[in-house]
Amino acid sequence: MNKIAGGELRKIPQVRLERLPERAFADWKTHGIKAFAADKRKNHGYGADEALKLSADSFSRCLPQGLATPDHYIFQVLNTQDQPVGTAWFAVQDDYGLRRAFIYDLEIVDRERRKGYGRATMMALEDEVRRRGIKTLGLHVFAFNKAAEQLYRWLGYKVTDLTMEKKL
């Protein structure tokens, strides 16, 4: 059992990360582009067409070789019955001699949210990163996503940069 927000105790479910199959990549990418565009619209106020283009360009730039892009790892998250409960994507980067990993995306399917799969997935990702000999794992959280921010703080993540803007 683990303490979570509000003082409740809940067992963290077990998950397994499995490389995303090639046959699932196109659907995952299409969904990811739409979801990232929606987040950009919500957070920054882009128009629908601009947000979609920005998102598609970002995915193309990050994954020029799709699943074969070096140092990018895209997983489906499976529960103990081998049913998909989400997806996760991280990349290993060389930052001026410091190798670190960065989570680009983590999504738990709607019907499985608030059941501990986000925590379990983060812990599994940390294990994946450690196995590669990397000691730093970073991520970005949109300011409106307070639930994700709370989860990451609970797991021990600290703010390292803070970007601010003002609508004029």
N, C-alpha and C. Protein backbone atom coordinates (compact mmCIF):
# COMPACT_ATOMS: atom_id res chain seq x y z
N MET A 1 0.83 -1.18 0.00
CA MET A 1 0.00 0.00 0.00
C MET A 1 0.88 1.24 0.00
N ASN A 2 0.40 2.26 -0.64
CA ASN A 2 1.13 3.51 -0.74
C ASN A 2 0.20 4.68 -0.45
N LYS A 3 0.76 5.71 0.18
CA LYS A 3 -0.01 6.91 0.46
C LYS A 3 -0.14 7.73 -0.82
N ILE A 4 -1.34 8.23 -1.07
CA ILE A 4 -1.56 9.11 -2.21
C ILE A 4 -2.25 10.37 -1.71
N ALA A 5 -2.47 11.30 -2.59
CA ALA A 5 -3.10 12.56 -2.22
C ALA A 5 -4.42 12.30 -1.51
N GLY A 6 -4.70 13.11 -0.51
CA GLY A 6 -5.94 12.96 0.23
C GLY A 6 -5.83 11.95 1.35
N GLY A 7 -4.66 11.34 1.53
CA GLY A 7 -4.43 10.43 2.63
C GLY A 7 -4.91 9.01 2.38
N GLU A 8 -5.50 8.74 1.24
CA GLU A 8 -5.95 7.38 0.94
C GLU A 8 -4.76 6.44 0.79
N LEU A 9 -5.00 5.18 1.05
CA LEU A 9 -3.99 4.17 0.79
C LEU A 9 -4.48 3.31 -0.35
N ARG A 10 -3.62 3.06 -1.29
CA ARG A 10 -4.00 2.27 -2.45
C ARG A 10 -2.78 1.50 -2.92
N LYS A 11 -2.98 0.27 -3.27
CA LYS A 11 -1.90 -0.54 -3.81
C LYS A 11 -1.60 -0.09 -5.24
N ILE A 12 -0.32 0.05 -5.56
CA ILE A 12 0.06 0.42 -6.92
C ILE A 12 -0.02 -0.85 -7.78
N PRO A 13 -0.76 -0.79 -8.88
CA PRO A 13 -0.88 -1.98 -9.73
C PRO A 13 0.44 -2.30 -10.42
N GLN A 14 0.57 -3.51 -10.83
CA GLN A 14 1.74 -3.95 -11.59
C GLN A 14 1.49 -3.68 -13.07
N VAL A 15 2.52 -3.20 -13.74
CA VAL A 15 2.45 -3.01 -15.19
C VAL A 15 3.71 -3.57 -15.82
N ARG A 16 3.61 -3.80 -17.11
CA ARG A 16 4.75 -4.25 -17.91
C ARG A 16 4.84 -3.35 -19.13
N LEU A 17 6.05 -2.90 -19.43
CA LEU A 17 6.27 -2.10 -20.63
C LEU A 17 6.70 -3.02 -21.75
N GLU A 18 6.04 -2.89 -22.88
CA GLU A 18 6.39 -3.69 -24.06
C GLU A 18 6.53 -2.72 -25.23
N ARG A 19 7.61 -2.90 -26.02
CA ARG A 19 7.80 -2.01 -27.17
C ARG A 19 6.52 -1.97 -27.99
N LEU A 20 6.15 -0.77 -28.42
CA LEU A 20 4.96 -0.60 -29.23
C LEU A 20 5.15 -1.37 -30.53
N PRO A 21 4.20 -2.23 -30.90
CA PRO A 21 4.34 -2.97 -32.16
C PRO A 21 4.23 -2.03 -33.36
N GLU A 22 4.95 -2.35 -34.40
CA GLU A 22 4.93 -1.54 -35.64
C GLU A 22 3.51 -1.32 -36.14
N ARG A 23 2.67 -2.34 -36.05
CA ARG A 23 1.29 -2.24 -36.55
C ARG A 23 0.47 -1.21 -35.77
N ALA A 24 0.90 -0.86 -34.55
CA ALA A 24 0.16 0.10 -33.72
C ALA A 24 0.72 1.52 -33.84
N PHE A 25 1.88 1.68 -34.50
CA PHE A 25 2.56 2.97 -34.51
C PHE A 25 1.73 4.07 -35.18
N ALA A 26 1.16 3.82 -36.34
CA ALA A 26 0.43 4.88 -37.06
C ALA A 26 -0.74 5.41 -36.23
N ASP A 27 -1.50 4.51 -35.61
CA ASP A 27 -2.63 4.95 -34.77
C ASP A 27 -2.13 5.72 -33.55
N TRP A 28 -1.06 5.22 -32.92
CA TRP A 28 -0.48 5.91 -31.76
C TRP A 28 -0.03 7.32 -32.14
N LYS A 29 0.65 7.44 -33.28
CA LYS A 29 1.15 8.74 -33.72
C LYS A 29 0.00 9.69 -34.03
N THR A 30 -1.00 9.22 -34.74
CA THR A 30 -2.16 10.06 -35.07
C THR A 30 -2.84 10.56 -33.80
N HIS A 31 -3.05 9.66 -32.85
CA HIS A 31 -3.67 10.05 -31.58
C HIS A 31 -2.77 11.04 -30.83
N GLY A 32 -1.47 10.77 -30.80
CA GLY A 32 -0.53 11.64 -30.10
C GLY A 32 -0.48 13.04 -30.68
N ILE A 33 -0.50 13.14 -31.99
CA ILE A 33 -0.49 14.44 -32.65
C ILE A 33 -1.74 15.24 -32.28
N LYS A 34 -2.90 14.58 -32.30
CA LYS A 34 -4.14 15.27 -31.95
C LYS A 34 -4.14 15.69 -30.47
N ALA A 35 -3.67 14.82 -29.60
CA ALA A 35 -3.66 15.14 -28.16
C ALA A 35 -2.70 16.27 -27.86
N PHE A 36 -1.51 16.26 -28.47
CA PHE A 36 -0.53 17.32 -28.24
C PHE A 36 -1.06 18.65 -28.79
N ALA A 37 -1.72 18.59 -29.94
CA ALA A 37 -2.31 19.81 -30.52
C ALA A 37 -3.37 20.37 -29.57
N ALA A 38 -4.19 19.51 -29.00
CA ALA A 38 -5.22 19.98 -28.07
C ALA A 38 -4.59 20.64 -26.84
N ASP A 39 -3.51 20.05 -26.33
CA ASP A 39 -2.80 20.64 -25.18
C ASP A 39 -2.20 21.99 -25.55
N LYS A 40 -1.62 22.10 -26.74
CA LYS A 40 -1.04 23.37 -27.18
C LYS A 40 -2.13 24.44 -27.34
N ARG A 41 -3.28 24.05 -27.85
CA ARG A 41 -4.39 25.00 -27.98
C ARG A 41 -4.84 25.47 -26.61
N LYS A 42 -5.01 24.52 -25.70
CA LYS A 42 -5.50 24.85 -24.35
C LYS A 42 -4.50 25.72 -23.59
N ASN A 43 -3.22 25.40 -23.72
CA ASN A 43 -2.21 26.10 -22.92
C ASN A 43 -1.75 27.41 -23.56
N HIS A 44 -1.66 27.45 -24.89
CA HIS A 44 -1.07 28.61 -25.55
C HIS A 44 -2.04 29.38 -26.44
N GLY A 45 -3.21 28.83 -26.72
CA GLY A 45 -4.19 29.55 -27.51
C GLY A 45 -4.01 29.47 -29.01
N TYR A 46 -3.25 28.48 -29.50
CA TYR A 46 -3.12 28.31 -30.95
C TYR A 46 -4.49 28.01 -31.55
N GLY A 47 -4.66 28.38 -32.82
CA GLY A 47 -5.83 27.97 -33.57
C GLY A 47 -5.72 26.48 -33.87
N ALA A 48 -6.83 25.86 -34.25
CA ALA A 48 -6.85 24.42 -34.49
C ALA A 48 -5.86 23.98 -35.56
N ASP A 49 -5.85 24.66 -36.70
CA ASP A 49 -4.96 24.28 -37.79
C ASP A 49 -3.49 24.48 -37.42
N GLU A 50 -3.20 25.60 -36.76
CA GLU A 50 -1.81 25.89 -36.37
C GLU A 50 -1.31 24.88 -35.33
N ALA A 51 -2.17 24.56 -34.36
CA ALA A 51 -1.77 23.60 -33.32
C ALA A 51 -1.52 22.22 -33.92
N LEU A 52 -2.36 21.82 -34.85
CA LEU A 52 -2.19 20.52 -35.50
C LEU A 52 -0.90 20.48 -36.31
N LYS A 53 -0.60 21.54 -37.03
CA LYS A 53 0.64 21.60 -37.82
C LYS A 53 1.85 21.58 -36.89
N LEU A 54 1.82 22.41 -35.85
CA LEU A 54 2.92 22.44 -34.89
C LEU A 54 3.16 21.05 -34.29
N SER A 55 2.09 20.37 -33.92
CA SER A 55 2.18 19.05 -33.31
C SER A 55 2.73 18.02 -34.30
N ALA A 56 2.20 18.02 -35.52
CA ALA A 56 2.69 17.08 -36.54
C ALA A 56 4.16 17.32 -36.84
N ASP A 57 4.55 18.59 -36.95
CA ASP A 57 5.96 18.91 -37.19
C ASP A 57 6.84 18.43 -36.05
N SER A 58 6.37 18.57 -34.83
CA SER A 58 7.13 18.14 -33.66
C SER A 58 7.34 16.63 -33.68
N PHE A 59 6.29 15.87 -33.96
CA PHE A 59 6.41 14.41 -34.03
C PHE A 59 7.37 14.00 -35.15
N SER A 60 7.26 14.65 -36.31
CA SER A 60 8.15 14.32 -37.43
C SER A 60 9.60 14.62 -37.11
N ARG A 61 9.84 15.73 -36.44
CA ARG A 61 11.20 16.13 -36.07
C ARG A 61 11.79 15.16 -35.03
N CYS A 62 10.97 14.75 -34.07
CA CYS A 62 11.46 13.87 -33.00
C CYS A 62 11.60 12.41 -33.46
N LEU A 63 10.73 11.97 -34.36
CA LEU A 63 10.71 10.57 -34.78
C LEU A 63 10.85 10.44 -36.29
N PRO A 64 11.96 10.93 -36.86
CA PRO A 64 12.10 10.89 -38.33
C PRO A 64 12.11 9.48 -38.91
N GLN A 65 12.49 8.50 -38.10
CA GLN A 65 12.52 7.11 -38.56
C GLN A 65 11.45 6.27 -37.87
N GLY A 66 10.42 6.93 -37.36
CA GLY A 66 9.35 6.21 -36.68
C GLY A 66 9.88 5.44 -35.49
N LEU A 67 9.41 4.22 -35.32
CA LEU A 67 9.85 3.39 -34.20
C LEU A 67 11.34 3.06 -34.24
N ALA A 68 11.94 3.18 -35.42
CA ALA A 68 13.37 2.88 -35.56
C ALA A 68 14.26 4.09 -35.25
N THR A 69 13.68 5.21 -34.84
CA THR A 69 14.48 6.38 -34.50
C THR A 69 15.40 6.04 -33.33
N PRO A 70 16.71 6.21 -33.52
CA PRO A 70 17.65 5.86 -32.45
C PRO A 70 17.37 6.62 -31.15
N ASP A 71 17.53 5.92 -30.05
CA ASP A 71 17.42 6.47 -28.70
C ASP A 71 16.02 6.93 -28.32
N HIS A 72 15.01 6.52 -29.08
CA HIS A 72 13.62 6.79 -28.72
C HIS A 72 12.95 5.45 -28.43
N TYR A 73 12.21 5.41 -27.32
CA TYR A 73 11.59 4.18 -26.85
C TYR A 73 10.12 4.44 -26.61
N ILE A 74 9.28 3.75 -27.38
CA ILE A 74 7.83 3.91 -27.28
C ILE A 74 7.26 2.56 -26.83
N PHE A 75 6.49 2.60 -25.75
CA PHE A 75 5.97 1.39 -25.14
C PHE A 75 4.45 1.42 -25.06
N GLN A 76 3.88 0.23 -25.11
CA GLN A 76 2.51 0.09 -24.65
C GLN A 76 2.63 -0.38 -23.21
N VAL A 77 1.73 0.09 -22.37
CA VAL A 77 1.72 -0.27 -20.96
C VAL A 77 0.65 -1.33 -20.78
N LEU A 78 1.05 -2.48 -20.26
CA LEU A 78 0.14 -3.61 -20.11
C LEU A 78 -0.10 -3.91 -18.63
N ASN A 79 -1.34 -4.26 -18.29
CA ASN A 79 -1.63 -4.67 -16.92
C ASN A 79 -1.29 -6.14 -16.72
N THR A 80 -1.61 -6.70 -15.58
CA THR A 80 -1.22 -8.08 -15.29
C THR A 80 -1.98 -9.10 -16.16
N GLN A 81 -3.05 -8.66 -16.81
CA GLN A 81 -3.78 -9.54 -17.74
C GLN A 81 -3.34 -9.29 -19.18
N ASP A 82 -2.21 -8.58 -19.35
CA ASP A 82 -1.67 -8.23 -20.66
C ASP A 82 -2.63 -7.40 -21.51
N GLN A 83 -3.49 -6.62 -20.86
CA GLN A 83 -4.37 -5.69 -21.56
C GLN A 83 -3.70 -4.32 -21.58
N PRO A 84 -3.76 -3.62 -22.71
CA PRO A 84 -3.17 -2.28 -22.77
C PRO A 84 -3.93 -1.30 -21.87
N VAL A 85 -3.18 -0.57 -21.05
CA VAL A 85 -3.78 0.45 -20.20
C VAL A 85 -3.19 1.83 -20.50
N GLY A 86 -2.22 1.90 -21.41
CA GLY A 86 -1.63 3.18 -21.76
C GLY A 86 -0.44 3.03 -22.67
N THR A 87 0.22 4.17 -22.90
CA THR A 87 1.45 4.21 -23.70
C THR A 87 2.42 5.18 -23.04
N ALA A 88 3.69 5.00 -23.36
CA ALA A 88 4.73 5.89 -22.83
C ALA A 88 5.85 5.99 -23.86
N TRP A 89 6.47 7.17 -23.91
CA TRP A 89 7.56 7.43 -24.86
C TRP A 89 8.63 8.25 -24.16
N PHE A 90 9.85 7.74 -24.20
CA PHE A 90 10.98 8.54 -23.72
C PHE A 90 12.13 8.44 -24.70
N ALA A 91 13.03 9.41 -24.60
CA ALA A 91 14.22 9.44 -25.44
C ALA A 91 15.44 9.62 -24.55
N VAL A 92 16.55 9.06 -25.00
CA VAL A 92 17.83 9.26 -24.33
C VAL A 92 18.56 10.34 -25.11
N GLN A 93 19.04 11.34 -24.39
CA GLN A 93 19.69 12.48 -25.01
C GLN A 93 21.07 12.69 -24.41
N ASP A 94 21.99 13.17 -25.23
CA ASP A 94 23.31 13.56 -24.75
C ASP A 94 23.30 15.08 -24.64
N ASP A 95 23.36 15.56 -23.41
CA ASP A 95 23.30 16.99 -23.14
C ASP A 95 24.68 17.45 -22.68
N TYR A 96 25.55 17.77 -23.66
CA TYR A 96 26.91 18.23 -23.38
C TYR A 96 27.65 17.27 -22.45
N GLY A 97 27.60 16.00 -22.81
CA GLY A 97 28.31 14.98 -22.06
C GLY A 97 27.50 14.33 -20.95
N LEU A 98 26.36 14.86 -20.62
CA LEU A 98 25.49 14.28 -19.60
C LEU A 98 24.36 13.53 -20.30
N ARG A 99 24.36 12.21 -20.14
CA ARG A 99 23.29 11.41 -20.75
C ARG A 99 22.09 11.42 -19.82
N ARG A 100 20.96 11.81 -20.38
CA ARG A 100 19.74 11.86 -19.60
C ARG A 100 18.58 11.39 -20.46
N ALA A 101 17.55 10.99 -19.80
CA ALA A 101 16.34 10.56 -20.50
C ALA A 101 15.26 11.61 -20.29
N PHE A 102 14.38 11.72 -21.28
CA PHE A 102 13.29 12.69 -21.21
C PHE A 102 12.01 12.01 -21.68
N ILE A 103 10.97 12.13 -20.88
CA ILE A 103 9.67 11.55 -21.23
C ILE A 103 8.94 12.54 -22.13
N TYR A 104 8.64 12.09 -23.33
CA TYR A 104 7.89 12.92 -24.27
C TYR A 104 6.38 12.75 -24.09
N ASP A 105 5.97 11.57 -23.72
CA ASP A 105 4.53 11.34 -23.60
C ASP A 105 4.27 10.17 -22.68
N LEU A 106 3.23 10.30 -21.90
CA LEU A 106 2.72 9.21 -21.08
C LEU A 106 1.22 9.40 -21.03
N GLU A 107 0.50 8.39 -21.45
CA GLU A 107 -0.96 8.48 -21.44
C GLU A 107 -1.56 7.18 -20.96
N ILE A 108 -2.43 7.29 -20.00
CA ILE A 108 -3.21 6.15 -19.52
C ILE A 108 -4.60 6.29 -20.15
N VAL A 109 -5.14 5.19 -20.67
CA VAL A 109 -6.45 5.25 -21.32
C VAL A 109 -7.50 5.72 -20.32
N ASP A 110 -8.49 6.44 -20.82
CA ASP A 110 -9.49 7.08 -19.95
C ASP A 110 -10.10 6.13 -18.92
N ARG A 111 -10.51 4.95 -19.34
CA ARG A 111 -11.21 4.04 -18.43
C ARG A 111 -10.32 3.50 -17.31
N GLU A 112 -9.00 3.67 -17.44
CA GLU A 112 -8.06 3.15 -16.44
C GLU A 112 -7.42 4.24 -15.58
N ARG A 113 -7.83 5.48 -15.78
CA ARG A 113 -7.25 6.58 -15.01
C ARG A 113 -7.75 6.55 -13.57
N ARG A 114 -6.94 7.13 -12.69
CA ARG A 114 -7.23 7.21 -11.26
C ARG A 114 -7.23 5.84 -10.58
N LYS A 115 -6.49 4.90 -11.17
CA LYS A 115 -6.37 3.55 -10.59
C LYS A 115 -4.93 3.22 -10.21
N GLY A 116 -4.01 4.18 -10.37
CA GLY A 116 -2.61 3.96 -10.02
C GLY A 116 -1.72 3.58 -11.17
N TYR A 117 -2.28 3.48 -12.38
CA TYR A 117 -1.46 3.08 -13.52
C TYR A 117 -0.44 4.14 -13.93
N GLY A 118 -0.75 5.42 -13.71
CA GLY A 118 0.23 6.47 -13.99
C GLY A 118 1.47 6.31 -13.11
N ARG A 119 1.25 6.12 -11.82
CA ARG A 119 2.37 5.90 -10.89
C ARG A 119 3.16 4.67 -11.27
N ALA A 120 2.44 3.59 -11.52
CA ALA A 120 3.10 2.34 -11.86
C ALA A 120 3.92 2.48 -13.15
N THR A 121 3.37 3.19 -14.12
CA THR A 121 4.08 3.39 -15.38
C THR A 121 5.34 4.22 -15.17
N MET A 122 5.23 5.28 -14.38
CA MET A 122 6.41 6.10 -14.09
C MET A 122 7.50 5.28 -13.41
N MET A 123 7.12 4.45 -12.48
CA MET A 123 8.11 3.61 -11.79
C MET A 123 8.75 2.62 -12.76
N ALA A 124 7.96 2.06 -13.67
CA ALA A 124 8.50 1.14 -14.67
C ALA A 124 9.44 1.88 -15.63
N LEU A 125 9.08 3.11 -16.01
CA LEU A 125 9.95 3.91 -16.87
C LEU A 125 11.27 4.21 -16.17
N GLU A 126 11.21 4.54 -14.89
CA GLU A 126 12.44 4.80 -14.14
C GLU A 126 13.35 3.57 -14.17
N ASP A 127 12.77 2.39 -14.01
CA ASP A 127 13.56 1.15 -14.09
C ASP A 127 14.18 0.98 -15.46
N GLU A 128 13.40 1.25 -16.53
CA GLU A 128 13.93 1.16 -17.91
C GLU A 128 15.12 2.09 -18.09
N VAL A 129 15.00 3.29 -17.60
CA VAL A 129 16.07 4.29 -17.75
C VAL A 129 17.31 3.85 -16.95
N ARG A 130 17.11 3.39 -15.72
CA ARG A 130 18.24 2.91 -14.90
C ARG A 130 18.98 1.77 -15.59
N ARG A 131 18.23 0.84 -16.21
CA ARG A 131 18.86 -0.30 -16.90
C ARG A 131 19.78 0.17 -18.02
N ARG A 132 19.55 1.34 -18.55
CA ARG A 132 20.39 1.89 -19.61
C ARG A 132 21.55 2.70 -19.02
N GLY A 133 21.70 2.66 -17.70
CA GLY A 133 22.81 3.35 -17.04
C GLY A 133 22.63 4.86 -16.94
N ILE A 134 21.42 5.33 -17.09
CA ILE A 134 21.14 6.77 -17.06
C ILE A 134 20.58 7.12 -15.70
N LYS A 135 21.06 8.23 -15.16
CA LYS A 135 20.71 8.60 -13.80
C LYS A 135 19.75 9.79 -13.68
N THR A 136 19.33 10.35 -14.81
CA THR A 136 18.43 11.50 -14.79
C THR A 136 17.27 11.27 -15.75
N LEU A 137 16.06 11.49 -15.26
CA LEU A 137 14.85 11.37 -16.07
C LEU A 137 14.06 12.65 -15.91
N GLY A 138 13.78 13.32 -17.02
CA GLY A 138 13.03 14.56 -16.99
C GLY A 138 11.73 14.44 -17.75
N LEU A 139 10.91 15.47 -17.60
CA LEU A 139 9.63 15.50 -18.29
C LEU A 139 9.11 16.93 -18.28
N HIS A 140 8.09 17.18 -19.06
CA HIS A 140 7.43 18.48 -19.13
C HIS A 140 5.98 18.28 -18.72
N VAL A 141 5.44 19.23 -17.98
CA VAL A 141 4.03 19.19 -17.59
C VAL A 141 3.40 20.52 -17.99
N PHE A 142 2.31 20.47 -18.72
CA PHE A 142 1.58 21.70 -19.00
C PHE A 142 1.01 22.22 -17.69
N ALA A 143 1.03 23.54 -17.52
CA ALA A 143 0.63 24.17 -16.27
C ALA A 143 -0.81 23.84 -15.86
N PHE A 144 -1.69 23.58 -16.81
CA PHE A 144 -3.08 23.28 -16.48
C PHE A 144 -3.26 21.86 -15.95
N ASN A 145 -2.25 21.00 -16.09
CA ASN A 145 -2.38 19.59 -15.72
C ASN A 145 -1.94 19.36 -14.28
N LYS A 146 -2.76 19.82 -13.35
CA LYS A 146 -2.41 19.75 -11.92
C LYS A 146 -2.33 18.32 -11.42
N ALA A 147 -3.15 17.42 -11.96
CA ALA A 147 -3.10 16.02 -11.52
C ALA A 147 -1.75 15.40 -11.86
N ALA A 148 -1.27 15.65 -13.07
CA ALA A 148 0.05 15.12 -13.46
C ALA A 148 1.14 15.75 -12.62
N GLU A 149 1.06 17.05 -12.41
CA GLU A 149 2.08 17.72 -11.59
C GLU A 149 2.12 17.11 -10.19
N GLN A 150 0.96 16.87 -9.61
CA GLN A 150 0.90 16.27 -8.27
C GLN A 150 1.52 14.87 -8.27
N LEU A 151 1.22 14.08 -9.29
CA LEU A 151 1.80 12.74 -9.40
C LEU A 151 3.32 12.80 -9.45
N TYR A 152 3.86 13.66 -10.29
CA TYR A 152 5.31 13.73 -10.45
C TYR A 152 5.98 14.23 -9.18
N ARG A 153 5.38 15.18 -8.49
CA ARG A 153 5.93 15.64 -7.21
C ARG A 153 5.91 14.51 -6.20
N TRP A 154 4.82 13.75 -6.17
CA TRP A 154 4.70 12.62 -5.25
C TRP A 154 5.82 11.61 -5.50
N LEU A 155 6.20 11.45 -6.77
CA LEU A 155 7.26 10.50 -7.14
C LEU A 155 8.67 11.07 -6.93
N GLY A 156 8.77 12.33 -6.51
CA GLY A 156 10.07 12.91 -6.20
C GLY A 156 10.66 13.82 -7.27
N TYR A 157 9.88 14.15 -8.29
CA TYR A 157 10.37 15.04 -9.33
C TYR A 157 10.34 16.48 -8.82
N LYS A 158 11.36 17.24 -9.17
CA LYS A 158 11.49 18.63 -8.76
C LYS A 158 11.47 19.54 -9.98
N VAL A 159 11.00 20.76 -9.80
CA VAL A 159 11.01 21.74 -10.87
C VAL A 159 12.45 22.17 -11.10
N THR A 160 12.91 22.09 -12.36
CA THR A 160 14.27 22.51 -12.71
C THR A 160 14.28 23.77 -13.55
N ASP A 161 13.18 24.05 -14.24
CA ASP A 161 13.01 25.25 -15.05
C ASP A 161 11.56 25.68 -14.92
N LEU A 162 11.33 26.93 -15.11
CA LEU A 162 9.96 27.42 -15.06
C LEU A 162 9.81 28.45 -16.17
N THR A 163 8.95 28.15 -17.13
CA THR A 163 8.68 29.08 -18.22
C THR A 163 7.36 29.79 -17.91
N MET A 164 7.39 31.09 -18.05
CA MET A 164 6.17 31.86 -17.76
C MET A 164 5.85 32.75 -18.95
N GLU A 165 4.56 33.05 -19.11
CA GLU A 165 4.17 33.99 -20.15
C GLU A 165 2.93 34.73 -19.69
N LYS A 166 2.71 35.86 -20.29
CA LYS A 166 1.57 36.71 -19.96
C LYS A 166 0.83 37.04 -21.25
N LYS A 167 -0.47 36.87 -21.24
CA LYS A 167 -1.30 37.25 -22.39
C LYS A 167 -1.46 38.77 -22.36
N LEU A 168 -1.11 39.42 -23.44
CA LEU A 168 -1.21 40.89 -23.52
C LEU A 168 -2.34 41.32 -24.42
